[in-house]
Amino acid sequence: MSNAFTQRQLRDAFGEFATGVTVVTAVRPDGEPVGVTANSFSSVSLEPPLLLWCLASSSSSVPAFAPGASFSVHVLSHEQRELALHFARRTAEKFEVDLHWRANPHPPHLDGALCRFDCRVHAVHPGGDHVVILGEVLVLTRGAGHPLAFHAGRFGQFSADRGSPKVDVWDGANDGWF
């Protein structure tokens, strides 16, 4: 079946969906730390606590995300733009530069994130040219600051509309929100 659009057009259309930015860290079976920038992050379930994100099937980091493996998702703050760019590069030396991270415990933890989810790989599913990684959240840690946003190939920041009330969809989840 032929599509009526190019991959570039599809990528640009996907880019219209504003997202946050994360860095996901883990350790490959050979003990090498890995880290990748991902904006394909989503909550899945509150009970059990599950999240998902996607990784290119061709990535050398895929072996670090076998079922049962540990990984951490760092939700980046607006001040961490350079960190997002650093982990988006295809290079093996991501942890050999002067970063604020801790190698122990595994997987690496990056300092300064708005939030960190420490997870265990619950399942890995094929998804076209990517794998969909489903993680069970074991521990969460929250920081402070403003989120790093990504839209149409550019970084930015989110600010709430003036006077906009907080909408707590989670409290209303059983009362008709979703």
C-alpha atoms as a PDB file:
ATOM      1  CA  MET A   1       0.000   0.000   0.000  1.00  0.00           C
ATOM      2  CA  SER A   2       1.375   3.378  -0.993  1.00  0.00           C
ATOM      3  CA  ASN A   3       1.019   6.370   1.286  1.00  0.00           C
ATOM      4  CA  ALA A   4      -0.095   9.766   0.004  1.00  0.00           C
ATOM      5  CA  PHE A   5       2.691  11.454   1.993  1.00  0.00           C
ATOM      6  CA  THR A   6       6.452  11.240   2.365  1.00  0.00           C
ATOM      7  CA  GLN A   7       8.296  10.232   5.524  1.00  0.00           C
ATOM      8  CA  ARG A   8       9.395  13.865   5.891  1.00  0.00           C
ATOM      9  CA  GLN A   9       5.795  15.075   5.697  1.00  0.00           C
ATOM     10  CA  LEU A  10       4.746  12.510   8.288  1.00  0.00           C
ATOM     11  CA  ARG A  11       7.634  13.457  10.581  1.00  0.00           C
ATOM     12  CA  ASP A  12       6.738  17.149  10.288  1.00  0.00           C
ATOM     13  CA  ALA A  13       3.073  16.398  11.022  1.00  0.00           C
ATOM     14  CA  PHE A  14       4.031  14.333  14.089  1.00  0.00           C
ATOM     15  CA  GLY A  15       6.158  17.315  15.171  1.00  0.00           C
ATOM     16  CA  GLU A  16       3.045  19.490  15.477  1.00  0.00           C
ATOM     17  CA  PHE A  17       2.196  17.591  18.657  1.00  0.00           C
ATOM     18  CA  ALA A  18       4.001  19.510  21.426  1.00  0.00           C
ATOM     19  CA  THR A  19       5.739  17.218  23.895  1.00  0.00           C
ATOM     20  CA  GLY A  20       8.012  17.258  26.866  1.00  0.00           C
ATOM     21  CA  VAL A  21      11.566  15.969  26.541  1.00  0.00           C
ATOM     22  CA  THR A  22      13.110  13.050  28.406  1.00  0.00           C
ATOM     23  CA  VAL A  23      16.459  11.327  28.644  1.00  0.00           C
ATOM     24  CA  VAL A  24      16.237   7.591  29.235  1.00  0.00           C
ATOM     25  CA  THR A  25      19.242   5.854  30.810  1.00  0.00           C
ATOM     26  CA  ALA A  26      20.093   2.195  31.282  1.00  0.00           C
ATOM     27  CA  VAL A  27      23.024  -0.216  31.251  1.00  0.00           C
ATOM     28  CA  ARG A  28      23.727  -2.681  28.417  1.00  0.00           C
ATOM     29  CA  PRO A  29      24.439  -6.313  29.317  1.00  0.00           C
ATOM     30  CA  ASP A  30      28.184  -5.609  28.840  1.00  0.00           C
ATOM     31  CA  GLY A  31      28.012  -2.983  31.635  1.00  0.00           C
ATOM     32  CA  GLU A  32      28.192   0.058  29.349  1.00  0.00           C
ATOM     33  CA  PRO A  33      25.818   2.898  30.331  1.00  0.00           C
ATOM     34  CA  VAL A  34      23.471   4.163  27.627  1.00  0.00           C
ATOM     35  CA  GLY A  35      21.345   7.266  27.370  1.00  0.00           C
ATOM     36  CA  VAL A  36      18.961   8.524  24.706  1.00  0.00           C
ATOM     37  CA  THR A  37      16.781  11.590  24.299  1.00  0.00           C
ATOM     38  CA  ALA A  38      13.138  10.673  23.755  1.00  0.00           C
ATOM     39  CA  ASN A  39       9.937  12.648  23.385  1.00  0.00           C
ATOM     40  CA  SER A  40       7.863   9.536  22.678  1.00  0.00           C
ATOM     41  CA  PHE A  41       7.056   9.227  26.387  1.00  0.00           C
ATOM     42  CA  SER A  42       3.575   8.599  27.752  1.00  0.00           C
ATOM     43  CA  SER A  43       1.810   7.500  30.892  1.00  0.00           C
ATOM     44  CA  VAL A  44      -0.081   4.221  30.416  1.00  0.00           C
ATOM     45  CA  SER A  45      -1.619   3.077  33.698  1.00  0.00           C
ATOM     46  CA  LEU A  46      -1.913   4.094  37.340  1.00  0.00           C
ATOM     47  CA  GLU A  47      -2.542   0.530  38.534  1.00  0.00           C
ATOM     48  CA  PRO A  48      -0.165  -1.026  37.908  1.00  0.00           C
ATOM     49  CA  PRO A  49       2.031   2.065  37.402  1.00  0.00           C
ATOM     50  CA  LEU A  50       3.144   1.828  33.762  1.00  0.00           C
ATOM     51  CA  LEU A  51       4.726   4.173  31.228  1.00  0.00           C
ATOM     52  CA  LEU A  52       5.948   3.747  27.681  1.00  0.00           C
ATOM     53  CA  TRP A  53       8.456   5.221  25.302  1.00  0.00           C
ATOM     54  CA  CYS A  54       9.814   4.280  21.872  1.00  0.00           C
ATOM     55  CA  LEU A  55      13.335   3.617  20.588  1.00  0.00           C
ATOM     56  CA  ALA A  56      14.558   3.076  17.025  1.00  0.00           C
ATOM     57  CA  SER A  57      14.970  -0.654  16.389  1.00  0.00           C
ATOM     58  CA  SER A  58      18.371   0.078  14.834  1.00  0.00           C
ATOM     59  CA  SER A  59      19.712   1.765  18.004  1.00  0.00           C
ATOM     60  CA  SER A  60      22.759   0.182  19.630  1.00  0.00           C
ATOM     61  CA  SER A  61      20.992   0.843  22.956  1.00  0.00           C
ATOM     62  CA  VAL A  62      18.180  -1.696  22.322  1.00  0.00           C
ATOM     63  CA  PRO A  63      19.937  -4.567  24.215  1.00  0.00           C
ATOM     64  CA  ALA A  64      19.817  -2.481  27.422  1.00  0.00           C
ATOM     65  CA  PHE A  65      16.016  -2.669  27.421  1.00  0.00           C
ATOM     66  CA  ALA A  66      15.369  -6.413  27.561  1.00  0.00           C
ATOM     67  CA  PRO A  67      12.382  -7.533  29.660  1.00  0.00           C
ATOM     68  CA  GLY A  68      13.242  -7.260  33.361  1.00  0.00           C
ATOM     69  CA  ALA A  69      16.082  -4.743  32.836  1.00  0.00           C
ATOM     70  CA  SER A  70      16.218  -1.503  34.838  1.00  0.00           C
ATOM     71  CA  PHE A  71      16.013   1.940  33.270  1.00  0.00           C
ATOM     72  CA  SER A  72      15.317   5.536  34.326  1.00  0.00           C
ATOM     73  CA  VAL A  73      13.281   8.202  32.543  1.00  0.00           C
ATOM     74  CA  HIS A  74      14.358  11.785  33.345  1.00  0.00           C
ATOM     75  CA  VAL A  75      11.796  14.494  32.516  1.00  0.00           C
ATOM     76  CA  LEU A  76      13.982  17.467  31.589  1.00  0.00           C
ATOM     77  CA  SER A  77      13.646  21.010  32.829  1.00  0.00           C
ATOM     78  CA  HIS A  78      13.850  24.024  30.526  1.00  0.00           C
ATOM     79  CA  GLU A  79      17.413  24.592  31.726  1.00  0.00           C
ATOM     80  CA  GLN A  80      18.488  21.166  30.372  1.00  0.00           C
ATOM     81  CA  ARG A  81      18.286  21.873  26.633  1.00  0.00           C
ATOM     82  CA  GLU A  82      21.988  21.109  26.132  1.00  0.00           C
ATOM     83  CA  LEU A  83      21.550  17.792  27.944  1.00  0.00           C
ATOM     84  CA  ALA A  84      18.725  16.881  25.542  1.00  0.00           C
ATOM     85  CA  LEU A  85      20.957  17.703  22.565  1.00  0.00           C
ATOM     86  CA  HIS A  86      23.888  15.779  24.070  1.00  0.00           C
ATOM     87  CA  PHE A  87      21.913  12.551  24.476  1.00  0.00           C
ATOM     88  CA  ALA A  88      20.255  12.953  21.053  1.00  0.00           C
ATOM     89  CA  ARG A  89      23.627  12.504  19.333  1.00  0.00           C
ATOM     90  CA  ARG A  90      24.699   9.141  17.973  1.00  0.00           C
ATOM     91  CA  THR A  91      27.967   8.785  19.854  1.00  0.00           C
ATOM     92  CA  ALA A  92      29.372   6.199  22.231  1.00  0.00           C
ATOM     93  CA  GLU A  93      30.932   8.771  24.584  1.00  0.00           C
ATOM     94  CA  LYS A  94      27.737  10.146  26.109  1.00  0.00           C
ATOM     95  CA  PHE A  95      28.920   9.554  29.683  1.00  0.00           C
ATOM     96  CA  GLU A  96      32.587  10.454  29.153  1.00  0.00           C
ATOM     97  CA  VAL A  97      32.042  14.215  29.341  1.00  0.00           C
ATOM     98  CA  ASP A  98      31.528  16.473  32.336  1.00  0.00           C
ATOM     99  CA  LEU A  99      27.890  15.708  33.141  1.00  0.00           C
ATOM    100  CA  HIS A 100      26.087  15.878  36.444  1.00  0.00           C
ATOM    101  CA  TRP A 101      25.234  12.207  36.805  1.00  0.00           C
ATOM    102  CA  ARG A 102      25.729   9.374  39.219  1.00  0.00           C
ATOM    103  CA  ALA A 103      26.946   5.993  37.936  1.00  0.00           C
ATOM    104  CA  ASN A 104      25.872   4.151  41.036  1.00  0.00           C
ATOM    105  CA  PRO A 105      23.144   3.038  41.399  1.00  0.00           C
ATOM    106  CA  HIS A 106      22.555   1.635  37.945  1.00  0.00           C
ATOM    107  CA  PRO A 107      21.088   2.882  35.682  1.00  0.00           C
ATOM    108  CA  PRO A 108      22.762   6.309  35.608  1.00  0.00           C
ATOM    109  CA  HIS A 109      20.796   9.098  37.276  1.00  0.00           C
ATOM    110  CA  LEU A 110      21.061  12.597  35.819  1.00  0.00           C
ATOM    111  CA  ASP A 111      20.890  15.491  38.256  1.00  0.00           C
ATOM    112  CA  GLY A 112      18.461  18.384  37.850  1.00  0.00           C
ATOM    113  CA  ALA A 113      15.524  16.634  36.175  1.00  0.00           C
ATOM    114  CA  LEU A 114      11.972  17.757  36.971  1.00  0.00           C
ATOM    115  CA  CYS A 115      11.057  14.164  37.634  1.00  0.00           C
ATOM    116  CA  ARG A 116      12.707  10.746  37.420  1.00  0.00           C
ATOM    117  CA  PHE A 117      10.942   7.415  37.016  1.00  0.00           C
ATOM    118  CA  ASP A 118      13.030   4.366  37.944  1.00  0.00           C
ATOM    119  CA  CYS A 119      11.533   1.430  36.074  1.00  0.00           C
ATOM    120  CA  ARG A 120      11.780  -2.224  35.169  1.00  0.00           C
ATOM    121  CA  VAL A 121      11.089  -3.248  31.569  1.00  0.00           C
ATOM    122  CA  HIS A 122       7.635  -4.829  31.659  1.00  0.00           C
ATOM    123  CA  ALA A 123       7.413  -5.631  27.934  1.00  0.00           C
ATOM    124  CA  VAL A 124       8.959  -4.742  24.581  1.00  0.00           C
ATOM    125  CA  HIS A 125       6.787  -4.714  21.454  1.00  0.00           C
ATOM    126  CA  PRO A 126       7.739  -4.199  17.800  1.00  0.00           C
ATOM    127  CA  GLY A 127       6.349  -0.993  16.350  1.00  0.00           C
ATOM    128  CA  GLY A 128       7.432  -0.573  12.730  1.00  0.00           C
ATOM    129  CA  ASP A 129      10.971   0.829  12.686  1.00  0.00           C
ATOM    130  CA  HIS A 130      10.866   1.273  16.490  1.00  0.00           C
ATOM    131  CA  VAL A 131      10.357  -0.817  19.594  1.00  0.00           C
ATOM    132  CA  VAL A 132       7.742   0.207  22.145  1.00  0.00           C
ATOM    133  CA  ILE A 133       9.143  -0.184  25.657  1.00  0.00           C
ATOM    134  CA  LEU A 134       6.620  -0.573  28.448  1.00  0.00           C
ATOM    135  CA  GLY A 135       8.060   0.121  31.901  1.00  0.00           C
ATOM    136  CA  GLU A 136       6.752  -0.571  35.378  1.00  0.00           C
ATOM    137  CA  VAL A 137       7.454   2.429  37.612  1.00  0.00           C
ATOM    138  CA  LEU A 138       9.172   1.284  40.817  1.00  0.00           C
ATOM    139  CA  VAL A 139      10.334   4.633  42.242  1.00  0.00           C
ATOM    140  CA  LEU A 140       9.606   8.240  41.342  1.00  0.00           C
ATOM    141  CA  THR A 141      11.534  11.319  42.363  1.00  0.00           C
ATOM    142  CA  ARG A 142      10.296  14.873  41.796  1.00  0.00           C
ATOM    143  CA  GLY A 143      12.299  18.061  41.479  1.00  0.00           C
ATOM    144  CA  ALA A 144      11.254  21.611  40.672  1.00  0.00           C
ATOM    145  CA  GLY A 145      11.349  23.972  37.728  1.00  0.00           C
ATOM    146  CA  HIS A 146       9.739  24.462  34.333  1.00  0.00           C
ATOM    147  CA  PRO A 147       9.542  21.725  31.690  1.00  0.00           C
ATOM    148  CA  LEU A 148      11.531  21.630  28.481  1.00  0.00           C
ATOM    149  CA  ALA A 149       9.040  21.503  25.607  1.00  0.00           C
ATOM    150  CA  PHE A 150       9.540  20.412  21.995  1.00  0.00           C
ATOM    151  CA  HIS A 151       7.391  21.475  19.028  1.00  0.00           C
ATOM    152  CA  ALA A 152       8.015  21.550  15.265  1.00  0.00           C
ATOM    153  CA  GLY A 153      11.708  20.769  15.692  1.00  0.00           C
ATOM    154  CA  ARG A 154      12.328  23.493  18.280  1.00  0.00           C
ATOM    155  CA  PHE A 155      12.797  23.598  22.023  1.00  0.00           C
ATOM    156  CA  GLY A 156      10.782  25.957  24.169  1.00  0.00           C
ATOM    157  CA  GLN A 157       9.061  26.227  27.485  1.00  0.00           C
ATOM    158  CA  PHE A 158       5.521  25.801  28.689  1.00  0.00           C
ATOM    159  CA  SER A 159       3.697  28.505  30.560  1.00  0.00           C
ATOM    160  CA  ALA A 160       0.095  28.201  31.693  1.00  0.00           C
ATOM    161  CA  ASP A 161      -2.434  30.690  30.388  1.00  0.00           C
ATOM    162  CA  ARG A 162      -2.934  33.548  32.845  1.00  0.00           C
ATOM    163  CA  GLY A 163      -5.903  32.816  35.090  1.00  0.00           C
ATOM    164  CA  SER A 164      -6.227  29.265  33.819  1.00  0.00           C
ATOM    165  CA  PRO A 165      -7.427  26.932  36.580  1.00  0.00           C
ATOM    166  CA  LYS A 166      -5.648  23.651  37.174  1.00  0.00           C
ATOM    167  CA  VAL A 167      -7.619  20.782  35.641  1.00  0.00           C
ATOM    168  CA  ASP A 168      -6.976  17.650  37.639  1.00  0.00           C
ATOM    169  CA  VAL A 169      -8.068  14.967  35.203  1.00  0.00           C
ATOM    170  CA  TRP A 170      -6.634  12.191  37.361  1.00  0.00           C
ATOM    171  CA  ASP A 171      -8.970  12.953  40.267  1.00  0.00           C
ATOM    172  CA  GLY A 172     -11.887  12.912  37.861  1.00  0.00           C
ATOM    173  CA  ALA A 173     -10.776   9.838  35.897  1.00  0.00           C
ATOM    174  CA  ASN A 174     -13.600   7.753  37.316  1.00  0.00           C
ATOM    175  CA  ASP A 175     -16.133  10.567  36.995  1.00  0.00           C
ATOM    176  CA  GLY A 176     -16.366  10.821  33.230  1.00  0.00           C
ATOM    177  CA  TRP A 177     -13.113  12.518  32.172  1.00  0.00           C
ATOM    178  CA  PHE A 178     -11.907   9.674  29.998  1.00  0.00           C
END
